[in-house]
Amino acid sequence: MNPPRSTQETAWLGPRLTAHWRFKLMAGAIIVITFFIGYFLLLNFHVFPVREMPVTALDRLIAFQPGALGLYLSLYLYIPLAPWLLDNKRDLNACCLALSGLGLVGLVIFLFWPTAIPRPDSAANWPLIAIDKPGNVCPSLHAAFAVFSAICIDRLARHLGDRGLARSLSWLWCLGILYATLATKQHVAVDLVAGTVLGAAWAGLYLRFFPLAGKLQA
């Protein structure tokens, strides 16, 4: 008896998640720690005055939803999927470099073009207010990393012969994170669009210059 189709489509997950796991843990920790050191430093240091981003009709339409915080923070589970699903060391190195480069581009923008947004005066927003000042908002790196990761996962899933299940779930997760950036009022729509463009453009460069090893499956 053949296994269910959904099981066949995701059978490649386990071996890939465990491949080079020590390197993945170490590289991930280095990237995250280095990025957040730069991020929090730039909340207090910038070359030019801080500019407040405009609030659009879309921002007024989407009410503040504290319950979206979990989905917003799930980005930090979503980003590692792209590198953790790779089992080829060359591909893994390239992906880690691309993630680091995307973070660096964002930090350079924040250094020379600091931005901020107003935040809801709500006790429900205290977890984010306590650890993150309302700065470094445009482009939204939440959106940039989510879109970059979604495109990378989409390519890998196609490479492995996925018929739509993994890609659909990944894109739904990505869209949920994008929505949460607005629902938690961590970003406004302008930030979201800028971050989406940055993530998509960076992913395009990465896919163009770093094709995956091996052949596409039928």
C-alpha atoms as a PDB file:
ATOM      1  CA  MET A   1       0.000   0.000   0.000  1.00  0.00           C
ATOM      2  CA  ASN A   2       1.438   3.351  -1.021  1.00  0.00           C
ATOM      3  CA  PRO A   3       1.737   6.106   1.607  1.00  0.00           C
ATOM      4  CA  PRO A   4      -0.661   9.076   1.356  1.00  0.00           C
ATOM      5  CA  ARG A   5       0.254  11.700  -1.207  1.00  0.00           C
ATOM      6  CA  SER A   6       0.839  14.336   1.482  1.00  0.00           C
ATOM      7  CA  THR A   7       3.351  12.016   3.167  1.00  0.00           C
ATOM      8  CA  GLN A   8       5.167  11.436  -0.111  1.00  0.00           C
ATOM      9  CA  GLU A   9       5.427  15.179  -0.745  1.00  0.00           C
ATOM     10  CA  THR A  10       7.005  15.885   2.647  1.00  0.00           C
ATOM     11  CA  ALA A  11       9.210  12.784   3.021  1.00  0.00           C
ATOM     12  CA  TRP A  12      12.299  14.863   2.311  1.00  0.00           C
ATOM     13  CA  LEU A  13      11.865  17.074   5.380  1.00  0.00           C
ATOM     14  CA  GLY A  14      13.514  14.912   8.056  1.00  0.00           C
ATOM     15  CA  PRO A  15      16.856  14.142   6.372  1.00  0.00           C
ATOM     16  CA  ARG A  16      17.299  17.742   5.296  1.00  0.00           C
ATOM     17  CA  LEU A  17      16.538  19.214   8.695  1.00  0.00           C
ATOM     18  CA  THR A  18      19.229  17.047  10.312  1.00  0.00           C
ATOM     19  CA  ALA A  19      21.929  17.566   7.653  1.00  0.00           C
ATOM     20  CA  HIS A  20      24.851  19.758   8.891  1.00  0.00           C
ATOM     21  CA  TRP A  21      22.813  20.544  11.996  1.00  0.00           C
ATOM     22  CA  ARG A  22      25.805  21.663  14.071  1.00  0.00           C
ATOM     23  CA  PHE A  23      26.838  24.181  11.419  1.00  0.00           C
ATOM     24  CA  LYS A  24      23.243  25.392  11.094  1.00  0.00           C
ATOM     25  CA  LEU A  25      22.974  26.005  14.827  1.00  0.00           C
ATOM     26  CA  MET A  26      26.311  27.822  15.005  1.00  0.00           C
ATOM     27  CA  ALA A  27      25.773  29.933  11.889  1.00  0.00           C
ATOM     28  CA  GLY A  28      22.245  30.807  12.938  1.00  0.00           C
ATOM     29  CA  ALA A  29      23.369  31.952  16.377  1.00  0.00           C
ATOM     30  CA  ILE A  30      26.168  34.107  14.909  1.00  0.00           C
ATOM     31  CA  ILE A  31      23.867  35.733  12.353  1.00  0.00           C
ATOM     32  CA  VAL A  32      21.105  36.476  14.869  1.00  0.00           C
ATOM     33  CA  ILE A  33      23.397  37.835  17.586  1.00  0.00           C
ATOM     34  CA  THR A  34      25.386  40.008  15.174  1.00  0.00           C
ATOM     35  CA  PHE A  35      22.247  41.391  13.546  1.00  0.00           C
ATOM     36  CA  PHE A  36      20.545  42.317  16.805  1.00  0.00           C
ATOM     37  CA  ILE A  37      23.659  43.986  18.168  1.00  0.00           C
ATOM     38  CA  GLY A  38      23.646  46.241  15.119  1.00  0.00           C
ATOM     39  CA  TYR A  39      19.869  46.681  15.211  1.00  0.00           C
ATOM     40  CA  PHE A  40      19.692  47.835  18.827  1.00  0.00           C
ATOM     41  CA  LEU A  41      22.727  50.083  18.465  1.00  0.00           C
ATOM     42  CA  LEU A  42      21.071  51.859  15.550  1.00  0.00           C
ATOM     43  CA  LEU A  43      17.954  52.530  17.601  1.00  0.00           C
ATOM     44  CA  ASN A  44      20.094  55.068  19.474  1.00  0.00           C
ATOM     45  CA  PHE A  45      22.646  56.071  16.834  1.00  0.00           C
ATOM     46  CA  HIS A  46      21.954  57.392  13.350  1.00  0.00           C
ATOM     47  CA  VAL A  47      23.488  59.892  10.956  1.00  0.00           C
ATOM     48  CA  PHE A  48      20.391  61.973  10.155  1.00  0.00           C
ATOM     49  CA  PRO A  49      17.259  62.966  12.105  1.00  0.00           C
ATOM     50  CA  VAL A  50      14.509  60.381  12.536  1.00  0.00           C
ATOM     51  CA  ARG A  51      11.618  60.646  10.085  1.00  0.00           C
ATOM     52  CA  GLU A  52       8.118  59.543  11.077  1.00  0.00           C
ATOM     53  CA  MET A  53       6.453  57.359   8.460  1.00  0.00           C
ATOM     54  CA  PRO A  54       2.995  58.336   7.159  1.00  0.00           C
ATOM     55  CA  VAL A  55      -0.123  56.468   8.246  1.00  0.00           C
ATOM     56  CA  THR A  56      -2.273  55.385   5.295  1.00  0.00           C
ATOM     57  CA  ALA A  57      -5.912  54.378   4.880  1.00  0.00           C
ATOM     58  CA  LEU A  58      -4.874  50.720   5.083  1.00  0.00           C
ATOM     59  CA  ASP A  59      -3.232  51.315   8.450  1.00  0.00           C
ATOM     60  CA  ARG A  60      -6.411  52.952   9.748  1.00  0.00           C
ATOM     61  CA  LEU A  61      -8.495  50.072   8.384  1.00  0.00           C
ATOM     62  CA  ILE A  62      -6.497  47.382  10.233  1.00  0.00           C
ATOM     63  CA  ALA A  63      -7.129  47.768  13.943  1.00  0.00           C
ATOM     64  CA  PHE A  64      -4.515  47.045  16.592  1.00  0.00           C
ATOM     65  CA  GLN A  65      -4.728  43.318  17.376  1.00  0.00           C
ATOM     66  CA  PRO A  66      -2.560  42.157  20.306  1.00  0.00           C
ATOM     67  CA  GLY A  67      -3.412  38.549  19.466  1.00  0.00           C
ATOM     68  CA  ALA A  68      -1.336  38.855  16.299  1.00  0.00           C
ATOM     69  CA  LEU A  69       1.861  39.118  18.362  1.00  0.00           C
ATOM     70  CA  GLY A  70       2.482  35.366  18.220  1.00  0.00           C
ATOM     71  CA  LEU A  71       2.190  35.362  14.437  1.00  0.00           C
ATOM     72  CA  TYR A  72       4.474  38.402  14.262  1.00  0.00           C
ATOM     73  CA  LEU A  73       7.145  36.694  16.365  1.00  0.00           C
ATOM     74  CA  SER A  74       6.814  33.456  14.387  1.00  0.00           C
ATOM     75  CA  LEU A  75       9.104  35.063  11.815  1.00  0.00           C
ATOM     76  CA  TYR A  76      11.993  33.832  13.966  1.00  0.00           C
ATOM     77  CA  LEU A  77      10.839  30.271  13.329  1.00  0.00           C
ATOM     78  CA  TYR A  78      10.132  30.940   9.662  1.00  0.00           C
ATOM     79  CA  ILE A  79      13.506  32.442   8.708  1.00  0.00           C
ATOM     80  CA  PRO A  80      15.546  29.351   9.705  1.00  0.00           C
ATOM     81  CA  LEU A  81      13.441  27.093   7.481  1.00  0.00           C
ATOM     82  CA  ALA A  82      15.242  28.146   4.293  1.00  0.00           C
ATOM     83  CA  PRO A  83      18.750  27.206   5.493  1.00  0.00           C
ATOM     84  CA  TRP A  84      17.623  24.245   7.597  1.00  0.00           C
ATOM     85  CA  LEU A  85      15.976  22.600   4.578  1.00  0.00           C
ATOM     86  CA  LEU A  86      19.273  22.596   2.687  1.00  0.00           C
ATOM     87  CA  ASP A  87      21.522  19.532   2.772  1.00  0.00           C
ATOM     88  CA  ASN A  88      24.263  20.726   0.402  1.00  0.00           C
ATOM     89  CA  LYS A  89      27.063  22.653   2.133  1.00  0.00           C
ATOM     90  CA  ARG A  90      27.612  25.032  -0.772  1.00  0.00           C
ATOM     91  CA  ASP A  91      23.912  25.886  -0.880  1.00  0.00           C
ATOM     92  CA  LEU A  92      23.868  26.295   2.889  1.00  0.00           C
ATOM     93  CA  ASN A  93      26.833  28.670   2.888  1.00  0.00           C
ATOM     94  CA  ALA A  94      25.261  30.743   0.121  1.00  0.00           C
ATOM     95  CA  CYS A  95      21.944  30.962   1.960  1.00  0.00           C
ATOM     96  CA  CYS A  96      23.606  32.071   5.197  1.00  0.00           C
ATOM     97  CA  LEU A  97      25.574  34.722   3.323  1.00  0.00           C
ATOM     98  CA  ALA A  98      22.400  35.927   1.610  1.00  0.00           C
ATOM     99  CA  LEU A  99      20.546  36.219   4.927  1.00  0.00           C
ATOM    100  CA  SER A 100      23.490  38.086   6.442  1.00  0.00           C
ATOM    101  CA  GLY A 101      23.654  40.392   3.430  1.00  0.00           C
ATOM    102  CA  LEU A 102      19.959  41.197   3.630  1.00  0.00           C
ATOM    103  CA  GLY A 103      20.315  42.113   7.285  1.00  0.00           C
ATOM    104  CA  LEU A 104      23.355  44.279   6.511  1.00  0.00           C
ATOM    105  CA  VAL A 105      21.515  46.169   3.766  1.00  0.00           C
ATOM    106  CA  GLY A 106      18.694  46.903   6.191  1.00  0.00           C
ATOM    107  CA  LEU A 107      21.078  48.141   8.882  1.00  0.00           C
ATOM    108  CA  VAL A 108      22.863  50.458   6.440  1.00  0.00           C
ATOM    109  CA  ILE A 109      19.512  51.953   5.455  1.00  0.00           C
ATOM    110  CA  PHE A 110      18.606  52.484   9.118  1.00  0.00           C
ATOM    111  CA  LEU A 111      21.960  54.177   9.730  1.00  0.00           C
ATOM    112  CA  PHE A 112      21.474  56.800   7.022  1.00  0.00           C
ATOM    113  CA  TRP A 113      17.671  56.968   6.903  1.00  0.00           C
ATOM    114  CA  PRO A 114      16.290  56.435  10.422  1.00  0.00           C
ATOM    115  CA  THR A 115      12.520  56.123  10.628  1.00  0.00           C
ATOM    116  CA  ALA A 116       9.869  55.633  13.294  1.00  0.00           C
ATOM    117  CA  ILE A 117       6.102  55.234  13.677  1.00  0.00           C
ATOM    118  CA  PRO A 118       3.586  56.065  16.419  1.00  0.00           C
ATOM    119  CA  ARG A 119       2.561  53.078  18.512  1.00  0.00           C
ATOM    120  CA  PRO A 120      -0.716  52.301  20.293  1.00  0.00           C
ATOM    121  CA  ASP A 121      -0.801  53.406  23.916  1.00  0.00           C
ATOM    122  CA  SER A 122      -2.013  50.047  25.131  1.00  0.00           C
ATOM    123  CA  ALA A 123      -0.956  47.755  27.946  1.00  0.00           C
ATOM    124  CA  ALA A 124      -1.361  44.874  25.490  1.00  0.00           C
ATOM    125  CA  ASN A 125       1.591  46.265  23.537  1.00  0.00           C
ATOM    126  CA  TRP A 126       4.011  46.281  26.478  1.00  0.00           C
ATOM    127  CA  PRO A 127       6.012  43.148  25.467  1.00  0.00           C
ATOM    128  CA  LEU A 128       7.192  44.842  22.273  1.00  0.00           C
ATOM    129  CA  ILE A 129       7.574  48.302  23.805  1.00  0.00           C
ATOM    130  CA  ALA A 130       9.737  46.854  26.569  1.00  0.00           C
ATOM    131  CA  ILE A 131      12.346  45.420  24.192  1.00  0.00           C
ATOM    132  CA  ASP A 132      12.006  47.417  20.976  1.00  0.00           C
ATOM    133  CA  LYS A 133      11.794  51.179  20.521  1.00  0.00           C
ATOM    134  CA  PRO A 134       9.559  52.447  17.687  1.00  0.00           C
ATOM    135  CA  GLY A 135      12.445  52.908  15.263  1.00  0.00           C
ATOM    136  CA  ASN A 136      14.160  51.116  12.366  1.00  0.00           C
ATOM    137  CA  VAL A 137      10.809  50.651  10.662  1.00  0.00           C
ATOM    138  CA  CYS A 138      11.295  51.353   6.946  1.00  0.00           C
ATOM    139  CA  PRO A 139      11.896  49.121   5.144  1.00  0.00           C
ATOM    140  CA  SER A 140      10.252  46.508   7.346  1.00  0.00           C
ATOM    141  CA  LEU A 141      12.890  43.822   7.790  1.00  0.00           C
ATOM    142  CA  HIS A 142      10.126  41.601   9.107  1.00  0.00           C
ATOM    143  CA  ALA A 143       8.570  41.793   5.660  1.00  0.00           C
ATOM    144  CA  ALA A 144      11.916  41.583   3.861  1.00  0.00           C
ATOM    145  CA  PHE A 145      13.039  38.419   5.645  1.00  0.00           C
ATOM    146  CA  ALA A 146       9.605  36.814   5.367  1.00  0.00           C
ATOM    147  CA  VAL A 147       9.375  37.390   1.604  1.00  0.00           C
ATOM    148  CA  PHE A 148      12.987  36.377   1.034  1.00  0.00           C
ATOM    149  CA  SER A 149      12.424  33.158   2.976  1.00  0.00           C
ATOM    150  CA  ALA A 150       9.160  32.395   1.198  1.00  0.00           C
ATOM    151  CA  ILE A 151      10.804  32.722  -2.217  1.00  0.00           C
ATOM    152  CA  CYS A 152      13.746  30.539  -1.167  1.00  0.00           C
ATOM    153  CA  ILE A 153      11.465  27.862   0.275  1.00  0.00           C
ATOM    154  CA  ASP A 154       9.314  27.979  -2.864  1.00  0.00           C
ATOM    155  CA  ARG A 155      12.363  27.381  -5.057  1.00  0.00           C
ATOM    156  CA  LEU A 156      13.605  24.514  -2.923  1.00  0.00           C
ATOM    157  CA  ALA A 157      10.178  22.866  -2.785  1.00  0.00           C
ATOM    158  CA  ARG A 158       9.923  23.028  -6.572  1.00  0.00           C
ATOM    159  CA  HIS A 159      13.443  21.651  -6.825  1.00  0.00           C
ATOM    160  CA  LEU A 160      12.365  18.683  -4.738  1.00  0.00           C
ATOM    161  CA  GLY A 161       9.259  18.016  -6.774  1.00  0.00           C
ATOM    162  CA  ASP A 162       6.681  19.478  -4.396  1.00  0.00           C
ATOM    163  CA  ARG A 163       3.247  19.574  -6.016  1.00  0.00           C
ATOM    164  CA  GLY A 164       1.978  22.502  -4.031  1.00  0.00           C
ATOM    165  CA  LEU A 165       1.467  21.479  -0.400  1.00  0.00           C
ATOM    166  CA  ALA A 166       4.739  22.770   1.080  1.00  0.00           C
ATOM    167  CA  ARG A 167       4.731  25.909  -1.059  1.00  0.00           C
ATOM    168  CA  SER A 168       1.138  26.761  -0.173  1.00  0.00           C
ATOM    169  CA  LEU A 169       1.751  26.355   3.554  1.00  0.00           C
ATOM    170  CA  SER A 170       4.915  28.441   3.335  1.00  0.00           C
ATOM    171  CA  TRP A 171       3.235  31.304   1.474  1.00  0.00           C
ATOM    172  CA  LEU A 172       0.296  31.286   3.892  1.00  0.00           C
ATOM    173  CA  TRP A 173       2.731  31.604   6.788  1.00  0.00           C
ATOM    174  CA  CYS A 174       4.542  34.438   5.009  1.00  0.00           C
ATOM    175  CA  LEU A 175       1.287  36.303   4.342  1.00  0.00           C
ATOM    176  CA  GLY A 176       0.288  35.844   7.975  1.00  0.00           C
ATOM    177  CA  ILE A 177       3.552  37.420   9.124  1.00  0.00           C
ATOM    178  CA  LEU A 178       3.078  40.339   6.727  1.00  0.00           C
ATOM    179  CA  TYR A 179      -0.424  40.916   8.060  1.00  0.00           C
ATOM    180  CA  ALA A 180       0.845  40.725  11.642  1.00  0.00           C
ATOM    181  CA  THR A 181       3.360  43.520  11.040  1.00  0.00           C
ATOM    182  CA  LEU A 182       0.400  45.844  10.477  1.00  0.00           C
ATOM    183  CA  ALA A 183      -1.952  44.281  13.035  1.00  0.00           C
ATOM    184  CA  THR A 184       0.610  44.659  15.847  1.00  0.00           C
ATOM    185  CA  LYS A 185       1.310  48.235  14.692  1.00  0.00           C
ATOM    186  CA  GLN A 186       5.013  47.555  14.506  1.00  0.00           C
ATOM    187  CA  HIS A 187       4.955  48.886  10.954  1.00  0.00           C
ATOM    188  CA  VAL A 188       2.788  50.912   8.623  1.00  0.00           C
ATOM    189  CA  ALA A 189       1.873  49.986   5.065  1.00  0.00           C
ATOM    190  CA  VAL A 190       4.719  52.011   3.530  1.00  0.00           C
ATOM    191  CA  ASP A 191       7.221  50.032   5.601  1.00  0.00           C
ATOM    192  CA  LEU A 192       5.563  46.787   4.534  1.00  0.00           C
ATOM    193  CA  VAL A 193       5.730  47.603   0.827  1.00  0.00           C
ATOM    194  CA  ALA A 194       9.357  48.738   1.059  1.00  0.00           C
ATOM    195  CA  GLY A 195      10.340  45.611   2.963  1.00  0.00           C
ATOM    196  CA  THR A 196       8.505  43.357   0.521  1.00  0.00           C
ATOM    197  CA  VAL A 197      10.298  44.951  -2.429  1.00  0.00           C
ATOM    198  CA  LEU A 198      13.667  44.652  -0.668  1.00  0.00           C
ATOM    199  CA  GLY A 199      13.108  40.995   0.211  1.00  0.00           C
ATOM    200  CA  ALA A 200      11.901  40.074  -3.268  1.00  0.00           C
ATOM    201  CA  ALA A 201      14.746  41.922  -4.994  1.00  0.00           C
ATOM    202  CA  TRP A 202      17.366  40.360  -2.724  1.00  0.00           C
ATOM    203  CA  ALA A 203      15.873  36.909  -3.277  1.00  0.00           C
ATOM    204  CA  GLY A 204      15.952  37.502  -7.035  1.00  0.00           C
ATOM    205  CA  LEU A 205      19.673  38.257  -6.897  1.00  0.00           C
ATOM    206  CA  TYR A 206      20.324  35.261  -4.674  1.00  0.00           C
ATOM    207  CA  LEU A 207      18.412  32.858  -6.913  1.00  0.00           C
ATOM    208  CA  ARG A 208      20.085  34.288 -10.012  1.00  0.00           C
ATOM    209  CA  PHE A 209      23.672  33.919  -8.819  1.00  0.00           C
ATOM    210  CA  PHE A 210      23.353  30.889  -6.533  1.00  0.00           C
ATOM    211  CA  PRO A 211      21.374  28.118  -8.266  1.00  0.00           C
ATOM    212  CA  LEU A 212      20.714  25.028  -6.180  1.00  0.00           C
ATOM    213  CA  ALA A 213      23.006  22.038  -6.587  1.00  0.00           C
ATOM    214  CA  GLY A 214      21.572  18.990  -8.338  1.00  0.00           C
ATOM    215  CA  LYS A 215      18.837  18.592 -10.898  1.00  0.00           C
ATOM    216  CA  LEU A 216      15.181  19.371 -10.641  1.00  0.00           C
ATOM    217  CA  GLN A 217      12.998  16.396  -9.860  1.00  0.00           C
ATOM    218  CA  ALA A 218      10.197  15.479 -12.188  1.00  0.00           C
END
